Amino acid sequence: MSPFRLIYLAHRFGTSLRKRGFIAFTRIVAIFSIAIGCMALLLSMAILDGFKLALEQNAVKFTAHIRIQSFNGEMPPPLPQSVLEHPAIASSETALQKEGLIKKRGGNIEGVLLKGIDDAREFSSRPKELRKGRFTFSHDSIKEIIIGERLANGMNMTCGDTAIITSMIIDSTGSGVPLPVTQKYLIIGLYKTGMSQYDELYVFLPRKSLASLLGTNAEARSHYELMVKPDQDIPLLAQDIQQIVPYPLFVQTVFDLHAGMFHWIELQKKPIPIVLSLIGIVAVMNILTSLLIIVIEKTKSIGILISLGMKPSSIMLVFSLQGIGLGLMGIFIGCICSYGLCTLQQNYQIIQLNGDLYFIDSLPISMKAWHYYLVCGSALFLSLLSTFIPSFIASRISPTTSLRFR
């Protein structure tokens, strides 16, 4: 029998049952069980990948893809030229960073990380959202700072306020006793990245200004920051660089520096195969039940077709097409719903998060084509698998038995 006739028969078997309430209900349940399963899996994968991507992008805004520093905490020696000219490295820069305290006159005191920067380079290579003020210092040694909006709100400060910065330096007389140094700075800008724990921590100021506060020369550095070209394997590249740099330098990636966050994401991904299996079992059982009911209802029709010479393999194919049709409808509905919800969240940030708990302020979404290939392919395979028992039963129906069936 031609494929078109088999498709026609499968269609007729389905449409002739639409007016029968219970059978129609089982078909709807089968379709929506697949749709809900596909939608749930696609949303889960988009959210988890979105979390990982958002955390990586935001973490890089404060550090870099790769950081190189000394084991002993002293100023690191110059990097080998082979590292600076490595084909996978997009840019490299020396960084000066120091722990400190910030306070407003008569206000609270908060611990912060003071980072000396070249403003043009910092905010172009690692862009942050400007919430108020400006990202440009008047000159490279002026006493101006840029702080996070969350830090400013917590300390009741804003642009134009004066903040008191305190840090510790080693006594130049050789006693080894840390001494506090304090200077006043003008707040000229507020930034936001969405990662609350870092928006409350980092304070940016001109590199020369920080060097002056710490009593060091303009060439002082605490570590090196390397930005990697797109589509590079950062951990593998870090291993290669570690073989090149001399002792006492050691290499850390953004995944090492923020290991807790990325391990949390990987932990969330582990239940996905279990969830996929459970949803698959539910979908298989619903389709199997629906097709078995159709076999019972269409026993006479099946017997007539067999008596007219239709092969058992063709009968099996008719019911397989029925199951595939139910699966395709469920997959289509699930994919459309998932895509629509993901698009809404991406454009309008409808679901907001507590940044103190989830590191970022809104639910991140990352839709990828392979998510849809994997989920749709798995759902279609399970739909086809679920048709085997009903189609096998239908193909073994005897014409004489079917004519006596009531």
Protein backbone atom coordinates (compact mmCIF):
# COMPACT_ATOMS: atom_id res chain seq x y z
CA MET A 1 0.00 0.00 0.00
CA SER A 2 1.27 3.46 -0.88
CA PRO A 3 2.49 5.79 1.89
CA PHE A 4 -0.20 8.35 1.05
CA ARG A 5 -2.97 5.81 1.63
CA LEU A 6 -1.42 4.77 4.94
CA ILE A 7 -1.27 8.41 6.04
CA TYR A 8 -4.90 8.84 4.92
CA LEU A 9 -5.99 5.81 6.96
CA ALA A 10 -4.10 7.03 10.03
CA HIS A 11 -5.79 10.42 9.64
CA ARG A 12 -9.24 8.86 9.25
CA PHE A 13 -8.75 6.65 12.31
CA GLY A 14 -8.01 9.76 14.34
CA THR A 15 -10.68 12.11 13.01
CA SER A 16 -13.49 9.58 13.23
CA LEU A 17 -12.96 9.38 17.00
CA ARG A 18 -13.00 13.08 17.76
CA LYS A 19 -16.69 13.13 18.67
CA ARG A 20 -16.27 10.36 21.24
CA GLY A 21 -15.65 12.22 24.47
CA PHE A 22 -13.46 9.80 26.43
CA ILE A 23 -11.28 8.81 23.47
CA ALA A 24 -10.87 12.44 22.45
CA PHE A 25 -9.91 13.23 26.04
CA THR A 26 -7.21 10.55 26.08
CA ARG A 27 -5.75 11.97 22.86
CA ILE A 28 -5.68 15.48 24.35
CA VAL A 29 -4.02 14.18 27.51
CA ALA A 30 -1.37 12.38 25.44
CA ILE A 31 -0.65 15.50 23.39
CA PHE A 32 -0.43 17.81 26.38
CA SER A 33 1.69 15.41 28.43
CA ILE A 34 4.30 15.55 25.66
CA ALA A 35 3.87 19.33 25.31
CA ILE A 36 4.33 19.97 29.03
CA GLY A 37 7.32 17.62 29.18
CA CYS A 38 9.04 19.30 26.22
CA MET A 39 8.29 22.77 27.56
CA ALA A 40 9.60 21.92 31.04
CA LEU A 41 12.83 20.45 29.70
CA LEU A 42 13.46 23.31 27.26
CA LEU A 43 12.84 25.91 29.96
CA SER A 44 15.12 24.09 32.40
CA MET A 45 17.96 23.85 29.90
CA ALA A 46 17.55 27.48 28.81
CA ILE A 47 17.58 28.71 32.42
CA LEU A 48 20.60 26.65 33.49
CA ASP A 49 22.64 27.62 30.42
CA GLY A 50 21.48 31.19 30.92
CA PHE A 51 22.73 31.13 34.51
CA LYS A 52 26.12 29.79 33.48
CA LEU A 53 26.51 32.33 30.66
CA ALA A 54 25.33 35.27 32.79
CA LEU A 55 27.61 34.33 35.69
CA GLU A 56 30.60 33.95 33.38
CA GLN A 57 29.95 37.29 31.64
CA ASN A 58 29.41 39.13 34.93
CA ALA A 59 32.38 37.51 36.66
CA VAL A 60 34.65 38.59 33.78
CA LYS A 61 33.50 42.18 34.31
CA PHE A 62 35.46 42.24 37.57
CA THR A 63 38.37 39.94 36.85
CA ALA A 64 39.23 38.48 33.43
CA HIS A 65 39.14 35.14 31.68
CA ILE A 66 42.58 34.34 33.13
CA ARG A 67 44.41 35.85 36.10
CA ILE A 68 48.14 35.42 36.80
CA GLN A 69 49.62 36.34 40.17
CA SER A 70 52.41 35.40 42.59
CA PHE A 71 52.16 32.64 45.20
CA ASN A 72 53.76 34.86 47.85
CA GLY A 73 51.51 37.86 47.27
CA GLU A 74 54.39 40.07 46.18
CA MET A 75 54.53 42.05 42.95
CA PRO A 76 54.67 39.48 40.13
CA PRO A 77 57.62 39.49 37.69
CA PRO A 78 57.09 40.43 34.02
CA LEU A 79 55.21 37.92 31.87
CA PRO A 80 57.15 36.01 29.19
CA GLN A 81 56.72 37.46 25.69
CA SER A 82 55.37 34.11 24.49
CA VAL A 83 52.35 34.57 26.77
CA LEU A 84 51.66 38.12 25.62
CA GLU A 85 51.89 37.05 21.96
CA HIS A 86 49.87 33.84 22.37
CA PRO A 87 47.39 33.57 19.43
CA ALA A 88 44.45 32.81 21.76
CA ILE A 89 44.97 35.92 23.93
CA ALA A 90 42.88 38.94 22.90
CA SER A 91 44.40 41.42 25.37
CA SER A 92 46.52 41.57 28.52
CA GLU A 93 46.98 44.21 31.19
CA THR A 94 48.58 44.67 34.56
CA ALA A 95 46.19 45.22 37.47
CA LEU A 96 46.55 46.90 40.83
CA GLN A 97 44.09 45.79 43.47
CA LYS A 98 43.99 46.15 47.26
CA GLU A 99 41.57 45.54 50.11
CA GLY A 100 40.22 48.64 51.82
CA LEU A 101 37.41 50.28 53.75
CA ILE A 102 34.91 52.88 52.59
CA LYS A 103 32.75 55.16 54.71
CA LYS A 104 30.73 58.33 54.55
CA ARG A 105 31.31 60.91 57.26
CA GLY A 106 29.10 59.87 60.15
CA GLY A 107 28.00 56.74 58.30
CA ASN A 108 28.67 53.00 58.25
CA ILE A 109 31.93 51.37 57.22
CA GLU A 110 32.06 48.67 54.56
CA GLY A 111 34.89 46.44 53.36
CA VAL A 112 35.66 46.82 49.64
CA LEU A 113 38.19 45.90 46.96
CA LEU A 114 39.97 48.92 45.51
CA LYS A 115 40.87 48.40 41.86
CA GLY A 116 43.09 50.85 40.01
CA ILE A 117 42.08 51.07 36.37
CA ASP A 118 42.50 52.83 33.08
CA ASP A 119 38.87 53.94 32.72
CA ALA A 120 38.75 53.83 28.90
CA ARG A 121 40.17 50.32 28.82
CA GLU A 122 38.25 48.90 31.78
CA PHE A 123 34.77 49.94 30.72
CA SER A 124 35.24 49.09 27.04
CA SER A 125 36.72 45.60 27.54
CA ARG A 126 34.48 44.75 30.52
CA PRO A 127 31.34 46.87 30.07
CA LYS A 128 29.10 47.65 33.03
CA GLU A 129 25.76 49.40 33.14
CA LEU A 130 26.06 53.08 34.08
CA ARG A 131 23.27 53.90 36.50
CA LYS A 132 24.24 57.45 37.36
CA GLY A 133 27.07 59.92 36.78
CA ARG A 134 29.92 59.05 34.41
CA PHE A 135 32.58 56.41 33.74
CA THR A 136 35.35 58.87 32.85
CA PHE A 137 37.88 60.22 35.37
CA SER A 138 39.00 63.84 35.03
CA HIS A 139 42.64 62.68 34.82
CA ASP A 140 44.64 59.58 35.74
CA SER A 141 45.71 60.63 39.23
CA ILE A 142 42.62 62.47 40.51
CA LYS A 143 40.87 61.38 43.71
CA GLU A 144 37.64 60.15 42.11
CA ILE A 145 35.92 56.78 42.47
CA ILE A 146 33.16 54.76 40.80
CA ILE A 147 31.14 52.43 43.05
CA GLY A 148 28.28 49.95 42.70
CA GLU A 149 24.70 51.17 42.94
CA ARG A 150 23.91 48.58 45.62
CA LEU A 151 26.86 49.72 47.72
CA ALA A 152 25.80 53.33 47.32
CA ASN A 153 22.22 52.57 48.33
CA GLY A 154 23.35 50.55 51.34
CA MET A 155 25.55 53.42 52.57
CA ASN A 156 23.11 56.18 51.56
CA MET A 157 25.58 57.72 49.10
CA THR A 158 25.21 59.05 45.57
CA CYS A 159 27.17 60.88 42.88
CA GLY A 160 28.77 64.05 44.18
CA ASP A 161 29.21 62.71 47.73
CA THR A 162 32.62 62.42 49.35
CA ALA A 163 33.73 58.98 50.54
CA ILE A 164 36.61 58.23 52.89
CA ILE A 165 38.84 55.38 51.68
CA THR A 166 41.18 53.57 54.08
CA SER A 167 43.73 50.88 53.24
CA MET A 168 46.78 49.33 54.86
CA ILE A 169 50.43 49.64 53.82
CA ILE A 170 53.64 48.18 55.22
CA ASP A 171 55.68 50.55 57.40
CA SER A 172 58.57 51.88 55.30
CA THR A 173 60.89 51.85 58.35
CA GLY A 174 61.09 48.06 58.07
CA SER A 175 59.14 47.17 61.21
CA GLY A 176 56.69 45.11 59.14
CA VAL A 177 53.72 46.57 60.99
CA PRO A 178 50.78 47.50 58.71
CA LEU A 179 49.84 51.17 58.86
CA PRO A 180 46.48 52.66 57.84
CA VAL A 181 46.34 55.32 55.12
CA THR A 182 43.25 57.41 54.49
CA GLN A 183 42.18 59.76 51.70
CA LYS A 184 38.96 61.45 50.60
CA TYR A 185 37.50 60.63 47.18
CA LEU A 186 34.65 62.09 45.15
CA ILE A 187 32.00 59.65 43.87
CA ILE A 188 31.51 60.38 40.16
CA GLY A 189 29.58 57.30 38.95
CA LEU A 190 27.40 54.38 39.97
CA TYR A 191 27.51 51.09 38.06
CA LYS A 192 25.46 47.89 38.01
CA THR A 193 26.26 44.42 36.68
CA GLY A 194 23.48 42.39 38.29
CA MET A 195 25.82 40.37 40.53
CA SER A 196 25.00 41.79 43.93
CA GLN A 197 27.96 40.35 45.81
CA TYR A 198 30.37 42.17 43.49
CA ASP A 199 28.33 45.33 42.98
CA GLU A 200 28.69 45.80 46.74
CA LEU A 201 32.40 45.02 46.74
CA TYR A 202 34.36 46.66 43.91
CA VAL A 203 35.41 50.32 43.97
CA PHE A 204 37.15 51.64 40.85
CA LEU A 205 39.61 54.53 40.91
CA PRO A 206 42.46 55.77 38.68
CA ARG A 207 45.47 53.48 38.79
CA LYS A 208 47.89 56.27 39.67
CA SER A 209 45.54 57.47 42.40
CA LEU A 210 45.50 54.00 44.00
CA ALA A 211 49.29 53.75 43.67
CA SER A 212 49.59 57.11 45.44
CA LEU A 213 47.28 55.93 48.24
CA LEU A 214 49.37 52.80 48.72
CA GLY A 215 52.65 54.69 48.53
CA THR A 216 53.96 52.75 45.50
CA ASN A 217 55.14 53.81 42.05
CA ALA A 218 52.94 53.90 38.97
CA GLU A 219 54.36 50.58 37.70
CA ALA A 220 53.19 48.63 40.75
CA ARG A 221 50.94 45.67 40.08
CA SER A 222 49.15 42.95 42.03
CA HIS A 223 48.40 40.57 39.14
CA TYR A 224 47.93 40.24 35.38
CA GLU A 225 44.56 39.95 33.64
CA LEU A 226 44.22 38.18 30.27
CA MET A 227 41.16 38.32 28.03
CA VAL A 228 40.70 35.36 25.71
CA LYS A 229 39.43 35.39 22.12
CA PRO A 230 35.93 33.95 21.49
CA ASP A 231 35.38 30.18 21.26
CA GLN A 232 38.57 29.30 23.12
CA ASP A 233 38.83 26.56 25.75
CA ILE A 234 39.76 28.72 28.75
CA PRO A 235 40.77 25.91 31.19
CA LEU A 236 42.94 24.23 28.54
CA LEU A 237 44.56 27.54 27.62
CA ALA A 238 45.26 28.23 31.30
CA GLN A 239 47.07 24.89 31.58
CA ASP A 240 49.25 25.79 28.58
CA ILE A 241 50.11 29.19 30.07
CA GLN A 242 50.94 27.62 33.44
CA GLN A 243 53.64 25.57 31.68
CA ILE A 244 55.15 28.78 30.24
CA VAL A 245 55.15 31.23 33.17
CA PRO A 246 58.00 30.98 35.70
CA TYR A 247 57.77 30.40 39.45
CA PRO A 248 56.29 32.02 41.58
CA LEU A 249 53.51 32.84 39.11
CA PHE A 250 50.37 30.72 39.05
CA VAL A 251 47.37 30.82 36.72
CA GLN A 252 43.67 30.92 37.61
CA THR A 253 40.66 31.00 35.30
CA VAL A 254 37.36 32.77 35.90
CA PHE A 255 35.95 29.32 36.73
CA ASP A 256 38.57 28.85 39.46
CA LEU A 257 38.02 32.29 40.95
CA HIS A 258 34.25 31.77 41.10
CA ALA A 259 34.20 27.99 41.53
CA GLY A 260 31.29 28.00 43.99
CA MET A 261 28.90 29.61 41.53
CA PHE A 262 29.79 27.35 38.61
CA HIS A 263 29.70 24.19 40.74
CA TRP A 264 26.22 25.24 41.83
CA ILE A 265 25.12 25.40 38.17
CA GLU A 266 26.64 22.01 37.36
CA LEU A 267 24.86 20.52 40.38
CA GLN A 268 21.53 21.81 39.07
CA LYS A 269 22.14 20.08 35.72
CA LYS A 270 22.60 16.61 37.21
CA PRO A 271 18.86 15.84 37.75
CA ILE A 272 17.98 16.65 34.11
CA PRO A 273 18.50 13.05 32.80
CA ILE A 274 16.30 11.75 35.62
CA VAL A 275 13.60 14.32 34.86
CA LEU A 276 13.84 13.50 31.14
CA SER A 277 13.36 9.79 31.91
CA LEU A 278 10.32 10.38 34.13
CA ILE A 279 8.66 12.72 31.64
CA GLY A 280 9.43 10.23 28.87
CA ILE A 281 7.75 7.40 30.80
CA VAL A 282 4.63 9.52 31.37
CA ALA A 283 4.48 10.49 27.68
CA VAL A 284 4.97 6.88 26.54
CA MET A 285 2.21 5.60 28.83
CA ASN A 286 -0.25 8.27 27.70
CA ILE A 287 0.34 7.62 24.00
CA LEU A 288 0.25 3.84 24.56
CA THR A 289 -3.07 4.11 26.42
CA SER A 290 -4.57 6.33 23.74
CA LEU A 291 -3.54 3.98 20.93
CA LEU A 292 -4.77 0.88 22.77
CA ILE A 293 -8.20 2.50 23.14
CA ILE A 294 -8.18 3.28 19.41
CA VAL A 295 -7.27 -0.34 18.64
CA ILE A 296 -10.23 -1.55 20.72
CA GLU A 297 -12.60 0.94 19.11
CA LYS A 298 -11.39 0.15 15.60
CA THR A 299 -11.15 -3.63 15.91
CA LYS A 300 -13.90 -4.18 13.33
CA SER A 301 -12.33 -1.75 10.87
CA ILE A 302 -8.96 -3.43 11.32
CA GLY A 303 -10.49 -6.85 10.67
CA ILE A 304 -12.15 -5.61 7.49
CA LEU A 305 -8.88 -4.11 6.24
CA ILE A 306 -7.03 -7.38 6.92
CA SER A 307 -9.76 -9.41 5.17
CA LEU A 308 -9.41 -7.13 2.15
CA GLY A 309 -5.74 -8.06 1.96
CA MET A 310 -3.98 -5.35 3.94
CA LYS A 311 -0.67 -6.64 5.31
CA PRO A 312 0.03 -6.72 9.08
CA SER A 313 3.08 -4.51 8.50
CA SER A 314 0.82 -1.87 6.94
CA ILE A 315 -1.53 -2.08 9.94
CA MET A 316 1.45 -1.54 12.25
CA LEU A 317 2.55 1.45 10.19
CA VAL A 318 -0.91 3.03 10.40
CA PHE A 319 -0.82 2.98 14.20
CA SER A 320 2.81 4.07 14.29
CA LEU A 321 1.79 7.11 12.23
CA GLN A 322 -0.99 7.75 14.76
CA GLY A 323 1.55 7.82 17.61
CA ILE A 324 4.00 9.97 15.66
CA GLY A 325 1.17 12.39 14.87
CA LEU A 326 0.30 12.74 18.55
CA GLY A 327 3.99 13.19 19.39
CA LEU A 328 4.52 15.86 16.73
CA MET A 329 1.52 17.86 17.91
CA GLY A 330 2.74 17.72 21.50
CA ILE A 331 6.31 18.62 20.50
CA PHE A 332 5.09 21.58 18.41
CA ILE A 333 2.93 22.97 21.24
CA GLY A 334 5.71 22.49 23.80
CA CYS A 335 8.34 24.18 21.63
CA ILE A 336 6.10 27.14 20.81
CA CYS A 337 5.18 27.69 24.46
CA SER A 338 8.80 27.37 25.59
CA TYR A 339 10.07 29.76 22.92
CA GLY A 340 7.36 32.31 23.75
CA LEU A 341 8.05 32.24 27.50
CA CYS A 342 11.83 32.45 26.98
CA THR A 343 11.44 35.39 24.59
CA LEU A 344 9.21 37.25 27.05
CA GLN A 345 11.73 36.75 29.86
CA GLN A 346 14.66 37.81 27.68
CA ASN A 347 12.96 41.03 26.56
CA TYR A 348 11.05 42.09 29.66
CA GLN A 349 12.74 40.36 32.68
CA ILE A 350 9.33 39.39 34.08
CA ILE A 351 10.80 37.03 36.69
CA GLN A 352 13.06 38.86 39.14
CA LEU A 353 15.45 37.14 41.56
CA ASN A 354 16.97 37.96 44.91
CA GLY A 355 20.52 38.87 43.94
CA ASP A 356 21.83 38.01 47.41
CA LEU A 357 20.78 34.38 46.89
CA TYR A 358 21.07 33.80 43.14
CA PHE A 359 24.03 36.13 42.33
CA ILE A 360 21.99 37.97 39.63
CA ASP A 361 18.86 40.12 39.73
CA SER A 362 16.68 38.61 36.97
CA LEU A 363 16.18 35.09 35.63
CA PRO A 364 18.66 34.60 32.76
CA ILE A 365 17.71 32.75 29.58
CA SER A 366 19.98 31.25 26.91
CA MET A 367 18.13 29.52 24.06
CA LYS A 368 20.29 27.26 21.91
CA ALA A 369 19.39 25.22 18.83
CA TRP A 370 20.81 22.00 20.28
CA HIS A 371 18.34 22.21 23.16
CA TYR A 372 15.48 21.89 20.68
CA TYR A 373 17.23 19.19 18.64
CA LEU A 374 17.83 17.08 21.75
CA VAL A 375 14.39 17.47 23.32
CA CYS A 376 12.41 17.16 20.07
CA GLY A 377 14.45 14.17 18.92
CA SER A 378 14.06 12.40 22.28
CA ALA A 379 10.32 13.10 22.43
CA LEU A 380 9.78 11.88 18.87
CA PHE A 381 11.76 8.69 19.56
CA LEU A 382 9.73 7.99 22.70
CA SER A 383 6.50 8.64 20.79
CA LEU A 384 7.53 6.12 18.15
CA LEU A 385 8.59 3.63 20.82
CA SER A 386 5.21 3.86 22.54
CA THR A 387 3.39 2.79 19.35
CA PHE A 388 5.06 -0.62 19.19
CA ILE A 389 2.72 -2.55 21.52
CA PRO A 390 -0.62 -1.14 20.19
CA SER A 391 0.46 -1.51 16.55
CA PHE A 392 1.69 -5.07 17.16
CA ILE A 393 -1.65 -6.00 18.78
CA ALA A 394 -3.57 -4.41 15.90
CA SER A 395 -1.55 -6.32 13.29
CA ARG A 396 -2.36 -9.67 15.00
CA ILE A 397 -6.15 -9.22 15.02
CA SER A 398 -7.96 -12.04 13.24
CA PRO A 399 -10.73 -11.01 10.78
CA THR A 400 -13.12 -13.63 12.21
CA THR A 401 -12.49 -12.45 15.75
CA SER A 402 -12.96 -8.79 14.79
CA LEU A 403 -16.35 -9.45 13.15
CA ARG A 404 -17.64 -11.00 16.42
CA PHE A 405 -16.28 -8.04 18.48
CA ARG A 406 -18.90 -5.73 20.00
